[in-house]
Structures are given as C-alpha cells and as structure tokens.
Amino acid sequence: MNANDKLCKRLAQLLTDTPVAEWQKNSRAVAANLLSRLDVVGREEFDAHCEMLSQAVTQVAKLEEKIRQLEKMNEDKIKH
C-alpha cells in the first residue's frame, strides 16, 4: 500500500468517526422513511408504464382513423 492509499484510508476512517457521518446516516434513514410513505414507483416500473401508455395512444389513434373511415363509408352509402 503506497502513501496515497494509506492517506485515503485514514481520511475515510476519520470521516466515518465524525458527526458528519452520523448525520449522513440519519439523513438517509429519514429520507428513506419519507420516500416509503410516498406513492412512488421505481424507474423500471415507470418506464414500463410509459411504454404501455405510448402503445395505448398509438392504438387509440388507429381506432379513431378506422372510425373515420367507417363513418365516411356509411355517409357514402347513405348518399347513393
């Protein structure tokens, strides 16, 4: 282990023994507790829902176009 590694290791050890480390640990626990109370989803679930929504929007657009075509066909039949 060289001098830089020893220094980094010692600094890391000093930081874990300070009030800052305790504050970080406590603030993470508080944040985790608050987030668990919120109605949130993970990134993967969010992305999956976005993909399903995109597919639904595409399907609705296709169905709307099909309805327009059928209505036009019906109007043409009524006229003749």
Protein backbone atom coordinates (compact mmCIF):
# COMPACT_ATOMS: atom_id res chain seq x y z
CA MET A 1 0.00 0.00 0.00
CA ASN A 2 1.51 3.31 -1.04
CA ALA A 3 1.35 6.60 0.83
CA ASN A 4 -1.68 7.86 -1.13
CA ASP A 5 -3.65 4.70 -0.35
CA LYS A 6 -2.75 4.97 3.34
CA LEU A 7 -3.79 8.62 3.41
CA CYS A 8 -7.11 7.90 1.66
CA LYS A 9 -7.82 5.02 4.01
CA ARG A 10 -7.04 7.16 7.06
CA LEU A 11 -9.18 10.05 5.80
CA ALA A 12 -12.08 7.70 5.13
CA GLN A 13 -11.72 6.28 8.63
CA LEU A 14 -11.66 9.76 10.15
CA LEU A 15 -14.79 10.77 8.22
CA THR A 16 -16.69 7.71 9.44
CA ASP A 17 -15.88 8.65 13.03
CA THR A 18 -17.27 12.20 12.80
CA PRO A 19 -20.67 13.75 13.42
CA VAL A 20 -20.91 14.27 9.64
CA ALA A 21 -21.02 10.51 9.11
CA GLU A 22 -23.69 10.15 11.77
CA TRP A 23 -25.69 12.96 10.20
CA GLN A 24 -25.41 11.33 6.75
CA LYS A 25 -26.59 8.01 8.14
CA ASN A 26 -29.53 9.64 9.93
CA SER A 27 -30.49 11.83 6.97
CA ARG A 28 -30.51 8.78 4.68
CA ALA A 29 -32.77 6.95 7.12
CA VAL A 30 -35.14 9.95 7.29
CA ALA A 31 -35.19 10.29 3.51
CA ALA A 32 -35.85 6.57 3.06
CA ASN A 33 -38.67 6.76 5.60
CA LEU A 34 -40.26 9.76 3.84
CA LEU A 35 -39.96 8.14 0.42
CA SER A 36 -41.54 4.93 1.69
CA ARG A 37 -44.59 6.95 2.73
CA LEU A 38 -44.98 8.49 -0.73
CA ASP A 39 -46.81 6.75 -3.51
CA VAL A 40 -43.81 6.43 -5.82
CA VAL A 41 -42.68 3.77 -8.25
CA GLY A 42 -39.27 2.65 -9.36
CA ARG A 43 -37.70 3.71 -12.64
CA GLU A 44 -38.30 0.33 -14.31
CA GLU A 45 -41.99 0.36 -13.44
CA PHE A 46 -42.29 3.99 -14.58
CA ASP A 47 -40.65 3.17 -17.92
CA ALA A 48 -42.92 0.13 -18.36
CA HIS A 49 -46.00 2.29 -17.76
CA CYS A 50 -44.73 4.91 -20.21
CA GLU A 51 -44.29 2.22 -22.86
CA MET A 52 -47.81 0.85 -22.24
CA LEU A 53 -49.24 4.37 -22.43
CA SER A 54 -47.43 5.02 -25.69
CA GLN A 55 -48.82 1.80 -27.15
CA ALA A 56 -52.32 2.71 -25.96
CA VAL A 57 -52.10 6.16 -27.56
CA THR A 58 -50.99 4.58 -30.83
CA GLN A 59 -53.86 2.08 -30.70
CA VAL A 60 -56.39 4.84 -29.97
CA ALA A 61 -55.12 6.83 -32.97
CA LYS A 62 -55.53 3.76 -35.21
CA LEU A 63 -59.04 3.13 -33.90
CA GLU A 64 -60.02 6.78 -34.41
CA GLU A 65 -58.82 6.59 -38.01
CA LYS A 66 -60.78 3.36 -38.52
CA ILE A 67 -63.92 5.03 -37.13
CA ARG A 68 -63.44 7.99 -39.51
CA GLN A 69 -63.14 5.57 -42.44
CA LEU A 70 -66.26 3.65 -41.41
CA GLU A 71 -68.24 6.86 -40.92
CA LYS A 72 -67.17 8.06 -44.36
CA MET A 73 -68.19 4.72 -45.90
CA ASN A 74 -71.56 4.97 -44.15
CA GLU A 75 -72.10 8.53 -45.40
CA ASP A 76 -71.23 7.46 -48.94
CA LYS A 77 -73.75 4.60 -48.74
CA ILE A 78 -76.48 6.92 -47.48
CA LYS A 79 -75.84 9.40 -50.31
CA HIS A 80 -76.17 6.74 -53.01
